Protein backbone atom coordinates (compact mmCIF):
# COMPACT_ATOMS: atom_id res chain seq x y z
CA MET A 1 51.44 85.86 27.13
CA PRO A 2 47.73 86.87 27.29
CA GLN A 3 46.98 84.00 24.94
CA GLU A 4 48.71 81.52 27.27
CA LYS A 5 46.70 82.79 30.25
CA LYS A 6 43.43 82.39 28.33
CA SER A 7 44.40 78.88 27.42
CA ARG A 8 45.10 77.92 31.07
CA THR A 9 41.82 79.33 32.36
CA ASN A 10 39.75 77.38 29.69
CA THR A 11 41.41 73.97 30.20
CA PRO A 12 39.78 73.07 33.60
CA LYS A 13 36.34 73.92 32.17
CA ARG A 14 36.69 71.38 29.35
CA ASN A 15 37.83 68.65 31.83
CA SER A 16 34.79 69.34 34.02
CA ASN A 17 32.39 68.77 31.10
CA HIS A 18 34.03 65.42 30.27
CA PHE A 19 33.68 64.32 33.88
CA VAL A 20 29.97 65.11 33.90
CA GLN A 21 29.45 63.17 30.65
CA LEU A 22 31.30 60.16 32.08
CA ILE A 23 29.10 60.14 35.19
CA ALA A 24 25.96 60.28 33.01
CA ILE A 25 27.15 57.32 30.91
CA LEU A 26 27.88 55.26 34.05
CA ILE A 27 24.39 55.99 35.40
CA ILE A 28 22.80 54.85 32.11
CA PHE A 29 24.84 51.61 32.06
CA SER A 30 23.97 50.94 35.72
CA ALA A 31 20.25 51.29 35.01
CA ALA A 32 20.56 48.99 31.99
CA ALA A 33 22.43 46.39 34.05
CA VAL A 34 19.72 46.39 36.70
CA TYR A 35 17.01 45.98 34.03
CA LEU A 36 18.84 43.16 32.27
CA TYR A 37 19.48 41.34 35.55
CA THR A 38 15.87 41.48 36.69
CA ASN A 39 14.60 40.31 33.27
CA VAL A 40 17.23 38.18 31.57
CA ALA A 41 18.32 36.38 34.74
CA THR A 42 14.71 35.53 35.50
CA TYR A 43 13.29 34.68 32.08
CA GLY A 44 16.32 34.10 29.88
CA ASP A 45 15.04 36.83 27.53
CA ILE A 46 14.05 40.46 27.53
CA SER A 47 10.41 39.49 28.15
CA PRO A 48 8.61 36.62 29.94
CA PRO A 49 8.11 33.46 27.83
CA SER A 50 5.10 33.49 25.55
CA ALA A 51 5.52 30.11 23.79
CA PRO A 52 2.36 28.02 24.04
CA ARG A 53 2.43 24.96 26.27
CA VAL A 54 1.36 21.69 24.66
CA GLY A 55 -0.19 18.73 26.41
CA PHE A 56 -2.45 15.71 26.12
CA VAL A 57 -5.90 16.47 27.47
CA GLU A 58 -8.60 13.89 28.22
CA LYS A 59 -11.53 14.27 25.83
CA ALA A 60 -13.89 11.60 27.13
CA THR A 61 -14.84 9.58 30.16
CA PRO A 62 -12.27 6.78 30.57
CA ILE A 63 -13.30 3.27 29.50
CA SER A 64 -12.88 0.93 32.45
CA TYR A 65 -12.57 -2.86 32.40
CA GLY A 66 -11.34 -5.68 34.58
CA TYR A 67 -7.67 -6.56 34.80
CA ASN A 68 -8.42 -10.12 33.61
CA SER A 69 -11.13 -9.23 31.09
CA HIS A 70 -8.80 -9.98 28.15
CA SER A 71 -9.88 -6.69 26.63
CA GLY A 72 -8.60 -5.26 23.39
CA PHE A 73 -9.11 -2.43 20.91
CA TYR A 74 -9.05 -2.11 17.15
CA ALA A 75 -8.50 1.47 15.96
CA PHE A 76 -8.39 2.06 12.21
CA GLY A 77 -7.56 5.76 11.97
CA GLN A 78 -11.06 7.23 11.75
CA ASN A 79 -13.68 8.72 14.09
CA PHE A 80 -14.64 5.36 15.61
CA PHE A 81 -13.00 2.30 17.15
CA TYR A 82 -13.88 -1.17 18.45
CA PHE A 83 -13.55 -2.28 22.07
CA TYR A 84 -13.93 -5.95 22.99
CA THR A 85 -13.68 -8.20 26.04
CA ARG A 86 -14.45 -11.86 26.66
CA ASP A 87 -18.13 -10.85 27.09
CA GLY A 88 -18.70 -8.87 23.90
CA ILE A 89 -17.81 -5.94 21.68
CA SER A 90 -18.83 -2.29 21.31
CA TYR A 91 -18.36 0.33 18.60
CA ARG A 92 -17.52 3.78 19.98
CA ASN A 93 -16.96 7.35 18.85
CA LEU A 94 -14.23 9.82 19.85
CA GLN A 95 -16.23 10.78 22.95
CA GLY A 96 -16.14 7.15 24.07
CA GLU A 97 -19.90 6.83 23.56
CA VAL A 98 -21.29 3.43 22.59
CA ILE A 99 -22.81 3.42 19.08
CA TRP A 100 -23.79 -0.25 19.28
CA GLU A 101 -22.74 -3.35 21.20
CA ASP A 102 -23.01 -7.11 20.85
CA SER A 103 -22.55 -9.94 23.32
CA PHE A 104 -20.62 -13.20 23.01
CA ASP A 105 -18.68 -15.56 25.26
CA MET A 106 -15.01 -16.16 24.46
CA GLU A 107 -12.31 -17.03 26.93
CA LEU A 108 -9.41 -15.43 25.01
CA PRO A 109 -10.80 -13.25 22.20
CA GLU A 110 -8.49 -11.98 19.48
CA ALA A 111 -9.07 -9.43 16.72
CA ASN A 112 -8.03 -9.21 13.09
CA GLY A 113 -9.01 -6.03 11.31
CA CYS A 114 -8.76 -4.42 7.87
CA GLY A 115 -10.09 -0.94 7.21
CA ASN A 116 -13.25 -0.44 9.28
CA HIS A 117 -14.10 -4.16 9.52
CA VAL A 118 -12.92 -6.52 12.23
CA ALA A 119 -13.18 -10.23 12.96
CA ILE A 120 -13.26 -11.48 16.55
CA GLY A 121 -12.41 -15.10 17.30
CA GLU A 122 -10.59 -17.37 19.65
CA ILE A 123 -7.62 -19.53 18.73
CA LYS A 124 -8.53 -23.17 19.52
CA GLY A 125 -12.13 -22.01 19.83
CA ASN A 126 -14.98 -22.77 17.47
CA GLN A 127 -16.43 -19.38 16.54
CA VAL A 128 -15.49 -16.29 14.50
CA ARG A 129 -17.69 -13.18 14.29
CA VAL A 130 -17.31 -10.40 11.70
CA TYR A 131 -18.33 -6.79 12.39
CA GLY A 132 -18.64 -3.56 10.41
CA PRO A 133 -19.62 0.02 11.29
CA ASN A 134 -23.31 -0.99 11.54
CA GLY A 135 -22.80 -4.02 13.76
CA LEU A 136 -22.59 -7.79 13.33
CA LEU A 137 -22.32 -8.93 9.70
CA TYR A 138 -22.33 -12.66 10.40
CA SER A 139 -21.05 -15.32 12.78
CA LYS A 140 -19.52 -18.71 11.88
CA ASN A 141 -19.26 -21.80 14.06
CA PHE A 142 -16.98 -24.74 13.28
CA ASP A 143 -16.62 -28.34 14.41
CA SER A 144 -12.82 -28.19 14.34
CA PRO A 145 -10.66 -25.79 16.39
CA VAL A 146 -9.82 -22.42 14.85
CA ALA A 147 -6.11 -22.03 14.08
CA SER A 148 -6.27 -18.64 12.38
CA PHE A 149 -8.52 -16.08 10.73
CA THR A 150 -8.17 -12.97 8.61
CA VAL A 151 -10.65 -10.44 7.20
CA ASN A 152 -10.54 -8.02 4.27
CA ARG A 153 -11.86 -4.47 4.09
CA LEU A 154 -15.29 -5.60 2.84
CA GLY A 155 -15.77 -8.09 5.66
CA ALA A 156 -14.94 -11.28 3.72
CA LEU A 157 -13.34 -13.90 5.96
CA CYS A 158 -10.74 -16.65 5.67
CA VAL A 159 -10.53 -19.15 8.52
CA GLY A 160 -7.93 -21.87 9.04
CA LEU A 161 -8.95 -24.98 11.02
CA ILE A 162 -7.00 -27.94 12.39
CA ASN A 163 -8.61 -31.38 12.41
CA ASN A 164 -6.03 -33.76 13.87
CA THR A 165 -3.32 -33.63 11.17
CA GLU A 166 -5.56 -32.12 8.50
CA TYR A 167 -5.66 -28.39 7.82
CA ILE A 168 -8.80 -26.85 6.34
CA THR A 169 -9.26 -23.36 4.87
CA HIS A 170 -12.75 -21.84 4.69
CA VAL A 171 -13.49 -18.63 2.77
CA PHE A 172 -16.71 -16.59 3.18
CA ASP A 173 -17.87 -13.46 1.37
CA GLU A 174 -18.94 -10.23 3.10
CA LYS A 175 -22.43 -11.65 3.70
CA GLY A 176 -21.16 -14.85 5.25
CA ASN A 177 -21.85 -17.06 2.22
CA ALA A 178 -19.35 -19.89 1.78
CA ILE A 179 -17.11 -19.29 -1.24
CA GLN A 180 -14.58 -22.04 -0.97
CA GLN A 181 -13.27 -24.84 1.24
CA ARG A 182 -9.78 -26.24 0.82
CA ASN A 183 -8.51 -29.39 2.54
CA HIS A 184 -4.73 -29.46 2.85
CA VAL A 185 -3.90 -33.16 3.04
CA ASP A 186 -0.40 -33.23 1.55
CA ALA A 187 2.11 -34.68 3.98
CA ASN A 188 4.40 -32.15 5.64
CA ILE A 189 2.80 -29.14 3.93
CA PHE A 190 1.14 -26.72 6.30
CA PRO A 191 -0.78 -23.45 5.73
CA ILE A 192 0.99 -20.57 7.46
CA THR A 193 -0.92 -17.42 6.54
CA ALA A 194 -3.48 -16.11 4.05
CA ALA A 195 -4.78 -12.86 2.60
CA LEU A 196 -7.96 -11.86 0.76
CA ALA A 197 -7.95 -9.24 -2.00
CA ASP A 198 -9.99 -6.10 -1.35
CA ASN A 199 -12.65 -7.16 -3.85
CA SER A 200 -12.68 -10.74 -2.48
CA GLY A 201 -11.72 -12.04 -5.92
CA GLN A 202 -8.33 -13.49 -5.00
CA LEU A 203 -6.92 -15.59 -2.17
CA ALA A 204 -3.18 -15.80 -1.47
CA LEU A 205 -1.95 -18.70 0.67
CA SER A 206 1.48 -19.31 2.19
CA LEU A 207 2.18 -23.04 2.63
CA LEU A 208 5.25 -24.31 4.46
CA ASP A 209 6.76 -27.36 2.74
CA ILE A 210 9.24 -29.42 4.79
CA ASN A 211 9.42 -32.46 2.53
CA GLY A 212 12.83 -31.68 1.06
CA VAL A 213 16.29 -31.28 2.52
CA ARG A 214 15.57 -27.58 2.86
CA LEU A 215 12.26 -26.09 3.81
CA GLN A 216 10.49 -23.87 1.36
CA THR A 217 7.36 -21.75 1.17
CA ASN A 218 4.82 -22.35 -1.57
CA LEU A 219 2.95 -19.12 -2.28
CA ILE A 220 -0.20 -19.96 -4.24
CA PHE A 221 -2.91 -17.79 -5.77
CA VAL A 222 -6.54 -18.91 -5.93
CA HIS A 223 -9.52 -17.52 -7.84
CA LEU A 224 -12.53 -17.00 -5.57
CA ASN A 225 -14.82 -16.01 -8.42
CA ARG A 226 -17.06 -19.05 -8.97
CA VAL A 227 -16.86 -18.95 -12.78
CA LYS A 228 -13.08 -18.59 -12.92
CA SER A 229 -12.61 -21.07 -10.10
CA MET A 230 -14.56 -23.76 -11.98
CA GLU A 231 -12.40 -23.28 -15.07
CA ILE A 232 -9.20 -24.19 -13.19
CA THR A 233 -8.39 -27.22 -11.03
CA ASP A 234 -8.93 -26.25 -7.39
CA GLY A 235 -9.10 -22.65 -8.53
CA ILE A 236 -5.31 -22.37 -8.29
CA TRP A 237 -4.09 -20.30 -11.20
CA GLY A 238 -0.50 -19.53 -10.19
CA GLY A 239 2.19 -19.63 -7.58
CA LEU A 240 5.87 -19.51 -6.78
CA LYS A 241 8.35 -21.16 -4.45
CA LYS A 242 10.64 -19.48 -1.92
CA GLU A 243 13.46 -21.73 -0.82
CA ASN A 244 14.84 -21.70 2.70
CA GLN A 245 12.48 -19.02 3.96
CA ILE A 246 9.10 -18.76 5.63
CA ILE A 247 6.53 -16.20 4.48
CA GLY A 248 4.81 -15.41 7.75
CA SER A 249 2.57 -12.50 6.72
CA LEU A 250 0.60 -11.52 3.60
CA ARG A 251 -1.41 -8.38 2.93
CA PHE A 252 -3.25 -7.15 -0.15
CA THR A 253 -2.88 -3.39 -0.59
CA GLY A 254 -5.57 -3.26 -3.26
CA ASN A 255 -7.32 -5.72 -5.53
CA ASN A 256 -4.18 -6.97 -7.26
CA SER A 257 -1.19 -5.81 -5.22
CA LEU A 258 0.24 -8.09 -2.52
CA MET A 259 2.93 -7.57 0.13
CA ALA A 260 4.73 -10.53 1.69
CA ILE A 261 7.00 -10.63 4.72
CA SER A 262 9.37 -13.53 5.28
CA ASP A 263 12.26 -14.06 7.63
CA LEU A 264 14.69 -13.10 4.85
CA GLU A 265 12.97 -10.47 2.70
CA LEU A 266 10.07 -8.15 2.01
CA SER A 267 8.51 -8.64 -1.41
CA ASN A 268 5.76 -7.17 -3.56
CA TYR A 269 3.68 -8.89 -6.25
CA THR A 270 1.11 -7.73 -8.79
CA LEU A 271 -1.56 -10.21 -9.88
CA THR A 272 -2.76 -9.39 -13.37
CA ASP A 273 -6.15 -10.04 -14.98
CA GLU A 274 -4.39 -12.40 -17.37
CA ASP A 275 -3.48 -14.70 -14.44
CA THR A 276 0.18 -13.86 -14.31
CA VAL A 277 2.32 -12.80 -11.36
CA ILE A 278 4.66 -9.82 -11.72
CA GLU A 279 7.34 -9.73 -9.05
CA GLY A 280 7.97 -6.17 -7.94
CA GLU A 281 10.34 -4.66 -5.40
CA LYS A 282 12.29 -6.86 -2.98
CA VAL A 283 14.01 -5.74 0.19
CA GLU A 284 16.64 -8.08 1.57
CA LEU A 285 16.57 -8.28 5.36
CA ASN A 286 19.97 -8.19 7.05
CA ASN A 287 18.38 -7.72 10.47
CA GLU A 288 15.77 -9.55 12.46
CA VAL A 289 12.37 -7.86 12.25
CA LYS A 290 11.28 -7.19 15.84
CA ASN A 291 7.93 -5.59 15.03
CA PHE A 292 5.95 -4.70 11.93
CA GLY A 293 2.62 -3.16 11.02
CA TYR A 294 0.65 -2.37 7.88
CA MET A 295 -0.48 1.22 7.38
CA ASP A 296 -3.68 0.05 5.72
CA ASN A 297 -3.15 0.41 1.94
CA LYS A 298 -0.42 3.01 2.36
CA GLY A 299 2.46 0.69 3.13
CA LEU A 300 4.45 -0.92 5.90
CA ALA A 301 6.51 -0.01 8.97
CA ILE A 302 9.12 -2.35 10.47
CA VAL A 303 11.43 -2.21 13.49
CA LEU A 304 14.84 -3.77 13.02
CA GLY A 305 16.43 -6.00 15.64
CA HIS A 306 19.90 -7.51 15.75
CA GLU A 307 21.93 -8.43 12.70
CA LEU A 308 21.24 -11.77 11.07
CA SER A 309 24.07 -14.27 11.19
CA GLY A 310 26.62 -13.74 8.45
CA LYS A 311 25.12 -10.43 7.30
CA THR A 312 26.02 -6.79 7.73
CA GLY A 313 22.89 -5.19 9.07
CA GLU A 314 21.73 -1.74 10.04
CA THR A 315 21.48 -0.19 13.47
CA GLU A 316 19.15 -1.94 15.88
CA ASN A 317 15.88 -0.12 16.71
CA LEU A 318 15.83 1.58 13.32
CA VAL A 319 12.21 2.06 12.16
CA LYS A 320 11.85 1.83 8.37
CA PHE A 321 8.86 2.89 6.28
CA TYR A 322 7.81 1.65 2.83
CA ASP A 323 4.94 2.49 0.52
CA ALA A 324 2.58 -0.15 -0.90
CA GLN A 325 5.10 -1.00 -3.65
CA LEU A 326 7.92 -1.34 -1.07
CA HIS A 327 9.70 1.85 -2.08
CA PRO A 328 11.42 3.31 1.01
CA THR A 329 9.76 6.50 2.22
CA GLY A 330 11.71 7.28 5.38
CA SER A 331 13.24 6.05 8.61
CA PHE A 332 13.63 6.91 12.27
CA GLN A 333 16.47 5.86 14.55
CA SER A 334 15.12 5.37 18.04
CA PRO A 335 17.43 6.36 20.89
CA LYS A 336 15.70 3.72 23.04
CA ASN A 337 15.06 0.00 22.79
CA LEU A 338 11.75 -0.65 21.01
CA THR A 339 9.38 -3.47 21.93
CA TYR A 340 6.08 -2.07 20.61
CA LEU A 341 4.58 -0.88 17.34
CA SER A 342 1.05 0.09 16.30
CA SER A 343 0.15 1.43 12.88
CA ASN A 344 -2.73 2.71 10.77
CA PRO A 345 -3.07 5.07 7.77
CA HIS A 346 -1.66 8.00 9.78
CA GLY A 347 1.69 6.35 10.48
CA ALA A 348 3.12 4.38 13.39
CA ILE A 349 3.67 4.65 17.13
CA VAL A 350 6.73 2.83 18.47
CA GLY A 351 7.88 2.49 22.05
CA ASN A 352 8.71 0.31 25.02
CA SER A 353 5.74 0.25 27.46
CA THR A 354 6.23 3.74 28.97
CA SER A 355 8.05 5.84 26.34
CA TYR A 356 6.66 6.26 22.83
CA PHE A 357 7.48 8.05 19.57
CA ALA A 358 4.78 9.10 17.08
CA LEU A 359 5.94 8.92 13.46
CA ASN A 360 4.22 9.86 10.21
CA THR A 361 4.22 7.63 7.13
CA LYS A 362 7.62 9.04 6.12
CA GLY A 363 9.24 8.27 9.46
CA SER A 364 9.36 11.86 10.70
CA LEU A 365 9.04 12.39 14.44
CA LEU A 366 5.79 14.11 15.41
CA TRP A 367 6.04 13.92 19.20
CA GLU A 368 7.40 11.88 22.08
CA TYR A 369 5.09 10.57 24.79
CA ASN A 370 6.08 9.44 28.29
CA SER A 371 3.11 7.88 30.01
CA GLY A 372 4.53 7.49 33.50
CA LYS A 373 3.03 3.98 33.71
CA GLU A 374 3.08 0.78 31.71
CA LEU A 375 0.64 0.60 28.83
CA LYS A 376 -0.76 -2.25 26.74
CA ASP A 377 -1.35 -0.20 23.59
CA LEU A 378 -1.22 3.29 22.15
CA PHE A 379 -3.11 4.08 18.93
CA PHE A 380 -3.68 7.01 16.60
CA LEU A 381 -7.39 7.71 16.24
CA ASN A 382 -8.69 10.12 13.58
CA ASN A 383 -5.42 12.08 13.35
CA THR A 384 -1.90 12.04 14.76
CA ASP A 385 -2.81 14.35 17.65
CA THR A 386 -5.69 12.23 18.98
CA ILE A 387 -4.71 8.98 20.63
CA LEU A 388 -6.17 6.05 22.53
CA GLU A 389 -4.07 5.22 25.58
CA VAL A 390 -4.75 1.64 26.68
CA GLY A 391 -3.76 0.64 30.19
CA PHE A 392 -4.41 -2.59 32.06
CA THR A 393 -7.71 -1.50 33.62
CA GLU A 394 -8.56 1.73 31.81
CA ALA A 395 -8.36 3.33 28.37
CA ARG A 396 -8.40 7.08 27.75
CA ILE A 397 -8.99 9.23 24.68
CA LEU A 398 -6.45 12.06 24.69
CA LYS A 399 -5.89 15.01 22.38
CA ARG A 400 -2.67 16.92 22.02
CA GLU A 401 -3.33 20.66 22.06
CA LYS A 402 -2.12 24.02 23.30
CA LEU A 403 -2.86 24.70 26.95
CA LYS A 404 -3.98 28.12 28.14
CA ASP A 405 -4.42 27.44 31.83
CA SER A 406 -1.76 27.23 34.52
CA PRO A 407 0.44 24.12 34.59
CA SER A 408 -1.42 20.94 35.50
CA GLU A 409 -0.78 17.24 35.69
CA THR A 410 -1.54 16.74 32.01
CA GLU A 411 0.64 19.60 30.86
CA VAL A 412 3.85 19.07 28.92
CA GLN A 413 6.84 21.11 27.88
CA PRO A 414 6.46 23.48 24.91
CA ASP A 415 7.41 21.97 21.60
CA ALA A 416 7.55 22.85 17.93
CA GLU A 417 6.33 21.01 14.85
CA LEU A 418 9.05 19.05 13.12
CA GLU A 419 9.44 19.10 9.37
CA ALA A 420 9.42 15.89 7.36
CA THR A 421 12.82 14.34 6.75
CA PRO A 422 13.93 12.22 3.78
CA PRO A 423 14.96 8.58 4.17
CA THR A 424 18.15 8.42 6.21
CA SER A 425 20.11 6.15 8.49
CA ASP A 426 21.64 9.00 10.44
CA PRO A 427 20.48 8.55 14.06
CA SER A 428 20.38 12.28 14.73
CA SER A 429 18.79 13.49 11.51
CA ASN A 430 15.14 13.16 12.50
CA PHE A 431 15.17 12.95 16.27
CA VAL A 432 15.17 16.21 18.19
CA ASP A 433 15.11 15.55 21.91
CA GLU A 434 14.51 19.11 23.03
CA THR A 435 11.16 19.18 21.25
CA SER A 436 9.87 16.05 22.91
CA VAL A 437 6.48 15.97 24.53
CA GLU A 438 6.23 14.49 28.00
CA PHE A 439 2.99 13.35 29.59
CA ILE A 440 2.79 12.98 33.36
CA SER A 441 0.16 10.42 34.24
CA PRO A 442 -2.54 11.61 36.64
CA ASP A 443 -2.96 8.02 37.82
CA PRO A 444 0.39 6.33 38.51
CA THR A 445 -1.16 3.77 40.86
CA ILE A 446 -2.18 1.15 38.29
CA ALA A 447 -0.22 -2.00 38.96
CA PRO A 448 2.34 -2.76 36.24
CA ALA A 449 2.17 -5.98 34.32
CA GLN A 450 4.16 -7.71 31.65
CA THR A 451 4.18 -5.66 28.48
CA GLU A 452 2.33 -7.12 25.54
CA SER A 453 4.24 -6.45 22.33
CA GLN A 454 4.79 -7.90 18.93
CA THR A 455 7.89 -10.02 18.54
CA ASP A 456 9.87 -11.44 15.64
CA ILE A 457 8.00 -12.38 12.47
CA GLU A 458 5.54 -15.03 13.54
CA THR A 459 2.93 -16.95 11.64
CA GLU A 460 -0.39 -15.12 11.58
CA LEU A 461 -2.51 -18.19 11.05
CA ALA A 462 -1.43 -21.66 12.06
CA PRO A 463 0.85 -22.35 15.03
CA GLU A 464 4.15 -24.01 14.24
CA PRO A 465 3.27 -27.49 12.98
CA THR A 466 4.67 -30.72 14.35
CA PRO A 467 5.56 -32.95 11.43
CA GLU A 468 4.12 -36.44 11.56
CA GLY A 469 5.00 -39.39 9.46
């Protein structure tokens, strides 16, 4: 019995200790709940966000010009760029400062550039001027209207002229000396486009032949070296025929390597020292090509449009990348309709007048840019984080960088660098929307105008001919 009494007197004491411990635990959990509510509910984490904010910041005084000045820019991926209007041209650095300038008078100037050289001319005009980093190299005037012109990376020039029904091709070296003149007098054969090799030793010409039941393209190769040219009739040493297709663009990606774009295929050719043509990779096109651009000697970027009749194509607005030998290097499926493409050695920028995607040479997404206003052009400058934003009355040099100050008009949402992705046709494999970069324009008042963009494959040189006779 004494043992039972001892047991009864100790039992309430143990229950009291448990009650005190329970109260202490509840107090601790209450304090933790208050802390979590005031922090997690506010910041979504235990501590305030510390991720850097990324934005495009103006790095130079804007370049202003008139709405109807017919201005344009040629940016080639280095520390300088060309700016031209109907009154002249200037060469500028990344601060927008004028290095040199030159005056001319053209109603509708156009530019054709390769590397750090550019030719400025006017279709149906009578003058073409060639410029390099040090200024004007030479200027050429013609009696017949200019139909086309193209320049190589040394500054050599090929000009196509129209004289009634006769087409004439003039070729000049980098000092402006005449190398060759070709008169195309064959009935129903018209020059479409041309390209000069980097060393100015070869000329490739695309000639549209409509004499037969089906049209065909005659791709011919011409020696520009005086000794070799004299050894062969007209200097033509080789060529090939492409039935039922039009080669609308040619580009040398070196001294002997040539890329060709037609309405049905992409093709690559190697011109040997023994005067033979080696056909390389071919890419059949099952889609219309809406836009395309050469990445200097690094390759090509194209934007696919709708499926071609009778073919099974790929998804529209797919951007495909190829190296100089036409090996696929990557792709990007745009979630938006694309009407614009610019390219240089850093990659390509694609978009639709207000929304743009920056892609590297393998098609990987670098950033997304929403301008808040219609633009004429958007170019990479010396790297993929420095761009030239071209509006209708103003151009700005912007650099993408981390922002330390409080949010401002040029600030964007935090983002992360995206890793390169292999070639793919999966629309979601290399587009990550939550890492997009948005730019809010500080000047949304500029009046919108019709967007200037590249369209389907068009002839670079002569306009579409009207057969006679």
